[in-house]
Amino acid sequence: MGTSRTSRTSWSCSASRPGCRRTWHSHGLGQTLYIVEGIALIQSRGGGILEAHPGDVVWTPPGEEHWHGAAPDHFMVHIAL
C-alpha cells in the first residue's frame, strides 16, 4: 500500500481468486477501483451487482456500504484508491 505524506490518499493493489469477495464495508473518503485484470463484481447495499472489466474505473461515495470481488469463473486484480 502507498500513502502520500501531503494528502489523505492511499492506494493498494489486490488480487482475488474466482468467486472470492470482500465483506460489506465502507470508506470515509470514498473509494475508486481501477480494474487491472479479470472480471470484478461490485455491489452497493440495496443496489444491483455491477460487472467491471480491465480498464474500468468504479467510484463508491464516502460512507456507502459495498463489497467487491472476482466473478465466479475469473481471477481479478484491482488498484484501490
PDB file of N, CA and C in Angstrom:
ATOM      1  N   MET A   1       0.853  -1.175   0.000  1.00  0.00           N
ATOM      2  CA  MET A   1       0.000   0.000   0.000  1.00  0.00           C
ATOM      3  C   MET A   1       0.890   1.227   0.000  1.00  0.00           C
ATOM      4  N   GLY A   2       0.471   2.250  -0.711  1.00  0.00           N
ATOM      5  CA  GLY A   2       1.204   3.507  -0.745  1.00  0.00           C
ATOM      6  C   GLY A   2       0.399   4.603  -0.086  1.00  0.00           C
ATOM      7  N   THR A   3       1.099   5.532   0.539  1.00  0.00           N
ATOM      8  CA  THR A   3       0.439   6.663   1.189  1.00  0.00           C
ATOM      9  C   THR A   3       1.218   7.931   0.879  1.00  0.00           C
ATOM     10  N   SER A   4       0.526   8.987   0.537  1.00  0.00           N
ATOM     11  CA  SER A   4       1.155  10.278   0.284  1.00  0.00           C
ATOM     12  C   SER A   4       1.314  11.019   1.600  1.00  0.00           C
ATOM     13  N   ARG A   5       2.442  11.684   1.788  1.00  0.00           N
ATOM     14  CA  ARG A   5       2.674  12.466   3.012  1.00  0.00           C
ATOM     15  C   ARG A   5       1.926  13.796   2.980  1.00  0.00           C
ATOM     16  N   THR A   6       1.468  14.218   1.805  1.00  0.00           N
ATOM     17  CA  THR A   6       0.826  15.524   1.696  1.00  0.00           C
ATOM     18  C   THR A   6      -0.684  15.440   1.526  1.00  0.00           C
ATOM     19  N   SER A   7      -1.249  14.242   1.495  1.00  0.00           N
ATOM     20  CA  SER A   7      -2.703  14.112   1.364  1.00  0.00           C
ATOM     21  C   SER A   7      -3.180  12.893   2.145  1.00  0.00           C
ATOM     22  N   ARG A   8      -4.478  12.697   2.152  1.00  0.00           N
ATOM     23  CA  ARG A   8      -5.052  11.549   2.846  1.00  0.00           C
ATOM     24  C   ARG A   8      -5.302  10.405   1.881  1.00  0.00           C
ATOM     25  N   THR A   9      -4.676  10.423   0.723  1.00  0.00           N
ATOM     26  CA  THR A   9      -4.868   9.399  -0.290  1.00  0.00           C
ATOM     27  C   THR A   9      -3.953   8.211  -0.039  1.00  0.00           C
ATOM     28  N   SER A  10      -4.481   7.017  -0.199  1.00  0.00           N
ATOM     29  CA  SER A  10      -3.669   5.808  -0.145  1.00  0.00           C
ATOM     30  C   SER A  10      -4.107   4.900  -1.283  1.00  0.00           C
ATOM     31  N   TRP A  11      -3.268   3.932  -1.621  1.00  0.00           N
ATOM     32  CA  TRP A  11      -3.606   3.009  -2.690  1.00  0.00           C
ATOM     33  C   TRP A  11      -3.128   1.619  -2.324  1.00  0.00           C
ATOM     34  N   SER A  12      -3.725   0.621  -2.941  1.00  0.00           N
ATOM     35  CA  SER A  12      -3.275  -0.757  -2.794  1.00  0.00           C
ATOM     36  C   SER A  12      -3.634  -1.525  -4.053  1.00  0.00           C
ATOM     37  N   CYS A  13      -2.894  -2.569  -4.306  1.00  0.00           N
ATOM     38  CA  CYS A  13      -3.182  -3.468  -5.417  1.00  0.00           C
ATOM     39  C   CYS A  13      -3.579  -4.800  -4.797  1.00  0.00           C
ATOM     40  N   SER A  14      -4.693  -5.339  -5.233  1.00  0.00           N
ATOM     41  CA  SER A  14      -5.233  -6.541  -4.617  1.00  0.00           C
ATOM     42  C   SER A  14      -5.686  -7.528  -5.689  1.00  0.00           C
ATOM     43  N   ALA A  15      -5.496  -8.802  -5.410  1.00  0.00           N
ATOM     44  CA  ALA A  15      -5.941  -9.864  -6.319  1.00  0.00           C
ATOM     45  C   ALA A  15      -6.954 -10.744  -5.602  1.00  0.00           C
ATOM     46  N   SER A  16      -7.953 -11.212  -6.334  1.00  0.00           N
ATOM     47  CA  SER A  16      -8.979 -12.102  -5.783  1.00  0.00           C
ATOM     48  C   SER A  16      -9.075 -13.362  -6.634  1.00  0.00           C
ATOM     49  N   ARG A  17      -9.201 -14.499  -5.976  1.00  0.00           N
ATOM     50  CA  ARG A  17      -9.429 -15.766  -6.671  1.00  0.00           C
ATOM     51  C   ARG A  17     -10.861 -15.810  -7.179  1.00  0.00           C
ATOM     52  N   PRO A  18     -11.142 -16.639  -8.179  1.00  0.00           N
ATOM     53  CA  PRO A  18     -12.511 -16.748  -8.695  1.00  0.00           C
ATOM     54  C   PRO A  18     -13.527 -16.971  -7.567  1.00  0.00           C
ATOM     55  N   GLY A  19     -14.577 -16.164  -7.574  1.00  0.00           N
ATOM     56  CA  GLY A  19     -15.666 -16.301  -6.610  1.00  0.00           C
ATOM     57  C   GLY A  19     -15.428 -15.671  -5.249  1.00  0.00           C
ATOM     58  N   CYS A  20     -14.225 -15.185  -4.973  1.00  0.00           N
ATOM     59  CA  CYS A  20     -13.938 -14.570  -3.669  1.00  0.00           C
ATOM     60  C   CYS A  20     -14.323 -13.100  -3.681  1.00  0.00           C
ATOM     61  N   ARG A  21     -14.771 -12.598  -2.522  1.00  0.00           N
ATOM     62  CA  ARG A  21     -15.119 -11.187  -2.417  1.00  0.00           C
ATOM     63  C   ARG A  21     -14.846 -10.686  -1.015  1.00  0.00           C
ATOM     64  N   ARG A  22     -14.778  -9.369  -0.875  1.00  0.00           N
ATOM     65  CA  ARG A  22     -14.614  -8.729   0.431  1.00  0.00           C
ATOM     66  C   ARG A  22     -15.979  -8.711   1.126  1.00  0.00           C
ATOM     67  N   THR A  23     -15.961  -8.523   2.429  1.00  0.00           N
ATOM     68  CA  THR A  23     -17.215  -8.374   3.163  1.00  0.00           C
ATOM     69  C   THR A  23     -17.743  -6.956   2.934  1.00  0.00           C
ATOM     70  N   TRP A  24     -18.989  -6.726   3.361  1.00  0.00           N
ATOM     71  CA  TRP A  24     -19.561  -5.376   3.276  1.00  0.00           C
ATOM     72  C   TRP A  24     -18.660  -4.423   4.043  1.00  0.00           C
ATOM     73  N   HIS A  25     -18.357  -3.272   3.465  1.00  0.00           N
ATOM     74  CA  HIS A  25     -17.524  -2.270   4.125  1.00  0.00           C
ATOM     75  C   HIS A  25     -17.784  -0.906   3.489  1.00  0.00           C
ATOM     76  N   SER A  26     -17.254   0.128   4.103  1.00  0.00           N
ATOM     77  CA  SER A  26     -17.371   1.488   3.542  1.00  0.00           C
ATOM     78  C   SER A  26     -16.060   2.219   3.789  1.00  0.00           C
ATOM     79  N   HIS A  27     -15.906   3.379   3.152  1.00  0.00           N
ATOM     80  CA  HIS A  27     -14.713   4.196   3.271  1.00  0.00           C
ATOM     81  C   HIS A  27     -15.136   5.635   3.542  1.00  0.00           C
ATOM     82  N   GLY A  28     -14.550   6.239   4.554  1.00  0.00           N
ATOM     83  CA  GLY A  28     -14.914   7.590   4.942  1.00  0.00           C
ATOM     84  C   GLY A  28     -14.691   8.636   3.851  1.00  0.00           C
ATOM     85  N   LEU A  29     -13.724   8.383   2.964  1.00  0.00           N
ATOM     86  CA  LEU A  29     -13.437   9.328   1.884  1.00  0.00           C
ATOM     87  C   LEU A  29     -13.873   8.791   0.528  1.00  0.00           C
ATOM     88  N   GLY A  30     -14.589   7.677   0.514  1.00  0.00           N
ATOM     89  CA  GLY A  30     -14.978   7.050  -0.743  1.00  0.00           C
ATOM     90  C   GLY A  30     -13.862   6.153  -1.253  1.00  0.00           C
ATOM     91  N   GLN A  31     -14.101   5.480  -2.365  1.00  0.00           N
ATOM     92  CA  GLN A  31     -13.102   4.573  -2.931  1.00  0.00           C
ATOM     93  C   GLN A  31     -13.236   4.537  -4.448  1.00  0.00           C
ATOM     94  N   THR A  32     -12.096   4.540  -5.111  1.00  0.00           N
ATOM     95  CA  THR A  32     -12.033   4.352  -6.552  1.00  0.00           C
ATOM     96  C   THR A  32     -11.344   3.024  -6.813  1.00  0.00           C
ATOM     97  N   LEU A  33     -11.968   2.170  -7.606  1.00  0.00           N
ATOM     98  CA  LEU A  33     -11.360   0.911  -8.027  1.00  0.00           C
ATOM     99  C   LEU A  33     -11.021   0.999  -9.504  1.00  0.00           C
ATOM    100  N   TYR A  34      -9.789   0.650  -9.856  1.00  0.00           N
ATOM    101  CA  TYR A  34      -9.352   0.555 -11.243  1.00  0.00           C
ATOM    102  C   TYR A  34      -9.101  -0.924 -11.516  1.00  0.00           C
ATOM    103  N   ILE A  35      -9.887  -1.516 -12.393  1.00  0.00           N
ATOM    104  CA  ILE A  35      -9.767  -2.940 -12.673  1.00  0.00           C
ATOM    105  C   ILE A  35      -8.602  -3.152 -13.636  1.00  0.00           C
ATOM    106  N   VAL A  36      -7.658  -3.997 -13.218  1.00  0.00           N
ATOM    107  CA  VAL A  36      -6.446  -4.254 -13.985  1.00  0.00           C
ATOM    108  C   VAL A  36      -6.562  -5.526 -14.813  1.00  0.00           C
ATOM    109  N   GLU A  37      -7.141  -6.563 -14.221  1.00  0.00           N
ATOM    110  CA  GLU A  37      -7.196  -7.870 -14.880  1.00  0.00           C
ATOM    111  C   GLU A  37      -8.422  -8.630 -14.405  1.00  0.00           C
ATOM    112  N   GLY A  38      -8.998  -9.450 -15.280  1.00  0.00           N
ATOM    113  CA  GLY A  38     -10.115 -10.310 -14.904  1.00  0.00           C
ATOM    114  C   GLY A  38     -11.451  -9.595 -14.949  1.00  0.00           C
ATOM    115  N   ILE A  39     -12.408 -10.149 -14.218  1.00  0.00           N
ATOM    116  CA  ILE A  39     -13.750  -9.575 -14.137  1.00  0.00           C
ATOM    117  C   ILE A  39     -14.085  -9.351 -12.666  1.00  0.00           C
ATOM    118  N   ALA A  40     -14.451  -8.116 -12.339  1.00  0.00           N
ATOM    119  CA  ALA A  40     -14.815  -7.745 -10.975  1.00  0.00           C
ATOM    120  C   ALA A  40     -16.332  -7.667 -10.845  1.00  0.00           C
ATOM    121  N   LEU A  41     -16.806  -7.986  -9.671  1.00  0.00           N
ATOM    122  CA  LEU A  41     -18.208  -7.772  -9.306  1.00  0.00           C
ATOM    123  C   LEU A  41     -18.216  -6.796  -8.143  1.00  0.00           C
ATOM    124  N   ILE A  42     -19.057  -5.767  -8.229  1.00  0.00           N
ATOM    125  CA  ILE A  42     -19.152  -4.732  -7.198  1.00  0.00           C
ATOM    126  C   ILE A  42     -20.627  -4.489  -6.922  1.00  0.00           C
ATOM    127  N   GLN A  43     -20.977  -4.397  -5.634  1.00  0.00           N
ATOM    128  CA  GLN A  43     -22.365  -4.117  -5.280  1.00  0.00           C
ATOM    129  C   GLN A  43     -22.414  -3.154  -4.117  1.00  0.00           C
ATOM    130  N   SER A  44     -23.223  -2.105  -4.247  1.00  0.00           N
ATOM    131  CA  SER A  44     -23.529  -1.216  -3.133  1.00  0.00           C
ATOM    132  C   SER A  44     -24.788  -1.742  -2.450  1.00  0.00           C
ATOM    133  N   ARG A  45     -24.862  -1.571  -1.148  1.00  0.00           N
ATOM    134  CA  ARG A  45     -26.012  -2.105  -0.401  1.00  0.00           C
ATOM    135  C   ARG A  45     -27.310  -1.557  -0.978  1.00  0.00           C
ATOM    136  N   GLY A  46     -28.227  -2.472  -1.323  1.00  0.00           N
ATOM    137  CA  GLY A  46     -29.518  -2.106  -1.887  1.00  0.00           C
ATOM    138  C   GLY A  46     -29.507  -1.966  -3.399  1.00  0.00           C
ATOM    139  N   GLY A  47     -28.326  -2.092  -4.018  1.00  0.00           N
ATOM    140  CA  GLY A  47     -28.218  -1.927  -5.470  1.00  0.00           C
ATOM    141  C   GLY A  47     -27.950  -3.243  -6.172  1.00  0.00           C
ATOM    142  N   GLY A  48     -27.892  -3.175  -7.482  1.00  0.00           N
ATOM    143  CA  GLY A  48     -27.597  -4.349  -8.288  1.00  0.00           C
ATOM    144  C   GLY A  48     -26.104  -4.619  -8.334  1.00  0.00           C
ATOM    145  N   ILE A  49     -25.736  -5.784  -8.823  1.00  0.00           N
ATOM    146  CA  ILE A  49     -24.331  -6.152  -8.961  1.00  0.00           C
ATOM    147  C   ILE A  49     -23.807  -5.613 -10.287  1.00  0.00           C
ATOM    148  N   LEU A  50     -22.701  -4.879 -10.218  1.00  0.00           N
ATOM    149  CA  LEU A  50     -22.049  -4.302 -11.382  1.00  0.00           C
ATOM    150  C   LEU A  50     -20.890  -5.197 -11.796  1.00  0.00           C
ATOM    151  N   GLU A  51     -20.776  -5.489 -13.083  1.00  0.00           N
ATOM    152  CA  GLU A  51     -19.645  -6.233 -13.611  1.00  0.00           C
ATOM    153  C   GLU A  51     -18.669  -5.243 -14.229  1.00  0.00           C
ATOM    154  N   ALA A  52     -17.387  -5.318 -13.841  1.00  0.00           N
ATOM    155  CA  ALA A  52     -16.378  -4.394 -14.349  1.00  0.00           C
ATOM    156  C   ALA A  52     -15.222  -5.185 -14.960  1.00  0.00           C
ATOM    157  N   HIS A  53     -14.629  -4.612 -16.006  1.00  0.00           N
ATOM    158  CA  HIS A  53     -13.594  -5.281 -16.789  1.00  0.00           C
ATOM    159  C   HIS A  53     -12.312  -4.448 -16.786  1.00  0.00           C
ATOM    160  N   PRO A  54     -11.188  -5.037 -17.237  1.00  0.00           N
ATOM    161  CA  PRO A  54      -9.927  -4.287 -17.255  1.00  0.00           C
ATOM    162  C   PRO A  54     -10.082  -2.920 -17.923  1.00  0.00           C
ATOM    163  N   GLY A  55      -9.558  -1.902 -17.245  1.00  0.00           N
ATOM    164  CA  GLY A  55      -9.658  -0.527 -17.722  1.00  0.00           C
ATOM    165  C   GLY A  55     -10.838   0.237 -17.148  1.00  0.00           C
ATOM    166  N   ASP A  56     -11.820  -0.482 -16.574  1.00  0.00           N
ATOM    167  CA  ASP A  56     -12.968   0.188 -15.965  1.00  0.00           C
ATOM    168  C   ASP A  56     -12.569   0.826 -14.639  1.00  0.00           C
ATOM    169  N   VAL A  57     -13.188   1.967 -14.343  1.00  0.00           N
ATOM    170  CA  VAL A  57     -12.990   2.673 -13.084  1.00  0.00           C
ATOM    171  C   VAL A  57     -14.350   2.776 -12.405  1.00  0.00           C
ATOM    172  N   VAL A  58     -14.410   2.368 -11.137  1.00  0.00           N
ATOM    173  CA  VAL A  58     -15.668   2.384 -10.380  1.00  0.00           C
ATOM    174  C   VAL A  58     -15.469   3.227  -9.123  1.00  0.00           C
ATOM    175  N   TRP A  59     -16.355   4.193  -8.905  1.00  0.00           N
ATOM    176  CA  TRP A  59     -16.308   5.083  -7.733  1.00  0.00           C
ATOM    177  C   TRP A  59     -17.404   4.695  -6.766  1.00  0.00           C
ATOM    178  N   THR A  60     -17.049   4.588  -5.488  1.00  0.00           N
ATOM    179  CA  THR A  60     -18.021   4.384  -4.413  1.00  0.00           C
ATOM    180  C   THR A  60     -17.956   5.605  -3.506  1.00  0.00           C
ATOM    181  N   PRO A  61     -19.070   6.316  -3.305  1.00  0.00           N
ATOM    182  CA  PRO A  61     -19.068   7.544  -2.495  1.00  0.00           C
ATOM    183  C   PRO A  61     -18.732   7.294  -1.022  1.00  0.00           C
ATOM    184  N   PRO A  62     -18.301   8.340  -0.310  1.00  0.00           N
ATOM    185  CA  PRO A  62     -17.983   8.222   1.113  1.00  0.00           C
ATOM    186  C   PRO A  62     -19.145   7.622   1.911  1.00  0.00           C
ATOM    187  N   GLY A  63     -18.812   6.660   2.773  1.00  0.00           N
ATOM    188  CA  GLY A  63     -19.793   6.066   3.666  1.00  0.00           C
ATOM    189  C   GLY A  63     -20.724   5.041   3.042  1.00  0.00           C
ATOM    190  N   GLU A  64     -20.662   4.823   1.739  1.00  0.00           N
ATOM    191  CA  GLU A  64     -21.576   3.870   1.090  1.00  0.00           C
ATOM    192  C   GLU A  64     -21.067   2.441   1.292  1.00  0.00           C
ATOM    193  N   GLU A  65     -21.892   1.597   1.911  1.00  0.00           N
ATOM    194  CA  GLU A  65     -21.511   0.209   2.120  1.00  0.00           C
ATOM    195  C   GLU A  65     -21.516  -0.537   0.795  1.00  0.00           C
ATOM    196  N   HIS A  66     -20.488  -1.335   0.586  1.00  0.00           N
ATOM    197  CA  HIS A  66     -20.351  -2.073  -0.661  1.00  0.00           C
ATOM    198  C   HIS A  66     -19.426  -3.276  -0.451  1.00  0.00           C
ATOM    199  N   TRP A  67     -19.391  -4.135  -1.435  1.00  0.00           N
ATOM    200  CA  TRP A  67     -18.405  -5.213  -1.490  1.00  0.00           C
ATOM    201  C   TRP A  67     -17.889  -5.289  -2.917  1.00  0.00           C
ATOM    202  N   HIS A  68     -16.721  -5.920  -3.087  1.00  0.00           N
ATOM    203  CA  HIS A  68     -16.180  -6.155  -4.419  1.00  0.00           C
ATOM    204  C   HIS A  68     -15.359  -7.429  -4.386  1.00  0.00           C
ATOM    205  N   GLY A  69     -15.317  -8.097  -5.521  1.00  0.00           N
ATOM    206  CA  GLY A  69     -14.573  -9.340  -5.622  1.00  0.00           C
ATOM    207  C   GLY A  69     -14.519  -9.815  -7.058  1.00  0.00           C
ATOM    208  N   ALA A  70     -14.132 -11.076  -7.227  1.00  0.00           N
ATOM    209  CA  ALA A  70     -13.968 -11.665  -8.553  1.00  0.00           C
ATOM    210  C   ALA A  70     -15.227 -12.408  -8.976  1.00  0.00           C
ATOM    211  N   ALA A  71     -15.471 -12.414 -10.277  1.00  0.00           N
ATOM    212  CA  ALA A  71     -16.570 -13.205 -10.835  1.00  0.00           C
ATOM    213  C   ALA A  71     -16.301 -14.686 -10.551  1.00  0.00           C
ATOM    214  N   PRO A  72     -17.329 -15.525 -10.564  1.00  0.00           N
ATOM    215  CA  PRO A  72     -17.170 -16.939 -10.197  1.00  0.00           C
ATOM    216  C   PRO A  72     -16.129 -17.701 -11.014  1.00  0.00           C
ATOM    217  N   ASP A  73     -15.914 -17.315 -12.246  1.00  0.00           N
ATOM    218  CA  ASP A  73     -15.005 -18.081 -13.106  1.00  0.00           C
ATOM    219  C   ASP A  73     -13.796 -17.265 -13.590  1.00  0.00           C
ATOM    220  N   HIS A  74     -13.461 -16.196 -12.866  1.00  0.00           N
ATOM    221  CA  HIS A  74     -12.335 -15.345 -13.257  1.00  0.00           C
ATOM    222  C   HIS A  74     -11.557 -14.859 -12.029  1.00  0.00           C
ATOM    223  N   PHE A  75     -10.237 -14.813 -12.149  1.00  0.00           N
ATOM    224  CA  PHE A  75      -9.432 -14.082 -11.175  1.00  0.00           C
ATOM    225  C   PHE A  75      -9.692 -12.591 -11.422  1.00  0.00           C
ATOM    226  N   MET A  76      -9.328 -11.744 -10.470  1.00  0.00           N
ATOM    227  CA  MET A  76      -9.498 -10.307 -10.652  1.00  0.00           C
ATOM    228  C   MET A  76      -8.402  -9.586  -9.896  1.00  0.00           C
ATOM    229  N   VAL A  77      -7.821  -8.566 -10.539  1.00  0.00           N
ATOM    230  CA  VAL A  77      -6.834  -7.698  -9.913  1.00  0.00           C
ATOM    231  C   VAL A  77      -7.321  -6.265 -10.055  1.00  0.00           C
ATOM    232  N   HIS A  78      -7.251  -5.512  -8.943  1.00  0.00           N
ATOM    233  CA  HIS A  78      -7.648  -4.098  -9.000  1.00  0.00           C
ATOM    234  C   HIS A  78      -6.682  -3.252  -8.181  1.00  0.00           C
ATOM    235  N   ILE A  79      -6.644  -1.988  -8.524  1.00  0.00           N
ATOM    236  CA  ILE A  79      -5.948  -0.975  -7.739  1.00  0.00           C
ATOM    237  C   ILE A  79      -7.033  -0.164  -7.042  1.00  0.00           C
ATOM    238  N   ALA A  80      -6.916  -0.033  -5.736  1.00  0.00           N
ATOM    239  CA  ALA A  80      -7.895   0.725  -4.953  1.00  0.00           C
ATOM    240  C   ALA A  80      -7.250   2.042  -4.508  1.00  0.00           C
ATOM    241  N   LEU A  81      -7.980   3.124  -4.693  1.00  0.00           N
ATOM    242  CA  LEU A  81      -7.544   4.459  -4.251  1.00  0.00           C
ATOM    243  C   LEU A  81      -8.558   5.016  -3.277  1.00  0.00           C
TER     244      LEU A  81
END
